[in-house]
Structures are given as C-alpha cells and as structure tokens.
C-alpha atoms as a PDB file:
ATOM      1  CA  MET A   1     183.942 202.628  43.854  1.00  0.00           C
ATOM      2  CA  ALA A   2     182.160 199.524  42.542  1.00  0.00           C
ATOM      3  CA  LYS A   3     180.545 197.175  45.016  1.00  0.00           C
ATOM      4  CA  GLU A   4     181.496 193.524  45.058  1.00  0.00           C
ATOM      5  CA  ALA A   5     178.719 191.119  44.071  1.00  0.00           C
ATOM      6  CA  PHE A   6     176.982 189.530  47.070  1.00  0.00           C
ATOM      7  CA  LYS A   7     177.535 185.779  47.159  1.00  0.00           C
ATOM      8  CA  ARG A   8     174.535 183.783  48.366  1.00  0.00           C
ATOM      9  CA  ASP A   9     176.378 180.549  49.011  1.00  0.00           C
ATOM     10  CA  LYS A  10     175.816 180.276  52.773  1.00  0.00           C
ATOM     11  CA  PRO A  11     172.479 179.311  54.262  1.00  0.00           C
ATOM     12  CA  HIS A  12     171.303 181.672  56.959  1.00  0.00           C
ATOM     13  CA  LEU A  13     168.401 181.941  59.286  1.00  0.00           C
ATOM     14  CA  ASN A  14     167.022 184.914  61.157  1.00  0.00           C
ATOM     15  CA  VAL A  15     165.390 184.097  64.468  1.00  0.00           C
ATOM     16  CA  GLY A  16     163.241 186.693  66.183  1.00  0.00           C
ATOM     17  CA  THR A  17     162.257 186.270  69.806  1.00  0.00           C
ATOM     18  CA  ILE A  18     159.447 188.150  71.485  1.00  0.00           C
ATOM     19  CA  GLY A  19     158.133 187.912  74.993  1.00  0.00           C
ATOM     20  CA  HIS A  20     158.016 189.459  78.415  1.00  0.00           C
ATOM     21  CA  VAL A  21     161.095 190.544  80.320  1.00  0.00           C
ATOM     22  CA  ASP A  22     162.891 187.780  82.269  1.00  0.00           C
ATOM     23  CA  HIS A  23     161.165 184.934  80.416  1.00  0.00           C
ATOM     24  CA  GLY A  24     164.288 183.346  78.911  1.00  0.00           C
ATOM     25  CA  LYS A  25     164.685 184.911  75.454  1.00  0.00           C
ATOM     26  CA  THR A  26     168.445 185.393  75.818  1.00  0.00           C
ATOM     27  CA  THR A  27     168.839 181.955  77.390  1.00  0.00           C
ATOM     28  CA  LEU A  28     166.966 180.350  74.502  1.00  0.00           C
ATOM     29  CA  THR A  29     169.034 182.226  71.923  1.00  0.00           C
ATOM     30  CA  ALA A  30     172.268 181.215  73.691  1.00  0.00           C
ATOM     31  CA  ALA A  31     171.155 177.563  73.770  1.00  0.00           C
ATOM     32  CA  ILE A  32     170.326 177.566  70.043  1.00  0.00           C
ATOM     33  CA  THR A  33     173.681 179.183  69.246  1.00  0.00           C
ATOM     34  CA  SER A  34     175.508 176.676  71.458  1.00  0.00           C
ATOM     35  CA  VAL A  35     173.925 173.694  69.699  1.00  0.00           C
ATOM     36  CA  LEU A  36     174.721 175.169  66.282  1.00  0.00           C
ATOM     37  CA  ALA A  37     178.315 175.875  67.369  1.00  0.00           C
ATOM     38  CA  LYS A  38     178.789 172.246  68.401  1.00  0.00           C
ATOM     39  CA  LYS A  39     177.736 171.283  64.867  1.00  0.00           C
ATOM     40  CA  GLY A  40     180.169 173.822  63.392  1.00  0.00           C
ATOM     41  CA  MET A  41     177.387 176.022  62.081  1.00  0.00           C
ATOM     42  CA  ALA A  42     177.783 179.046  64.389  1.00  0.00           C
ATOM     43  CA  GLU A  43     180.212 180.952  66.564  1.00  0.00           C
ATOM     44  CA  VAL A  44     179.560 181.389  70.281  1.00  0.00           C
ATOM     45  CA  ARG A  45     180.049 184.917  71.639  1.00  0.00           C
ATOM     46  CA  ALA A  46     179.785 186.290  75.169  1.00  0.00           C
ATOM     47  CA  TYR A  47     176.716 188.457  75.905  1.00  0.00           C
ATOM     48  CA  GLU A  48     178.599 190.844  78.196  1.00  0.00           C
END
C-alpha cells in the first residue's frame, strides 16, 4: 500500500517543558493552548 505524500502546509510548533514537580508546567501549557485556541490556532482538550 502506497503512503500518501505528507503535506507541509500547516505551521506547527513543538514546546517542551522541563522542571520540578508541582511547578506549573501543565498550567503553563494549558494557558498557552487556551490563548492559541482563542485565536483559532489550537483546540482545547481536557487533561483528565
């Protein structure tokens, strides 16, 4: 089965967070995603 060609027409960004436990990494990531979602550039998902 032939693979479909990968289209590189969407900009994307990988964000890595490092740090100690309970220092707000998930909160920061959720805030960034929320701001991007308000601009129509991301989709907010629950972290449950």
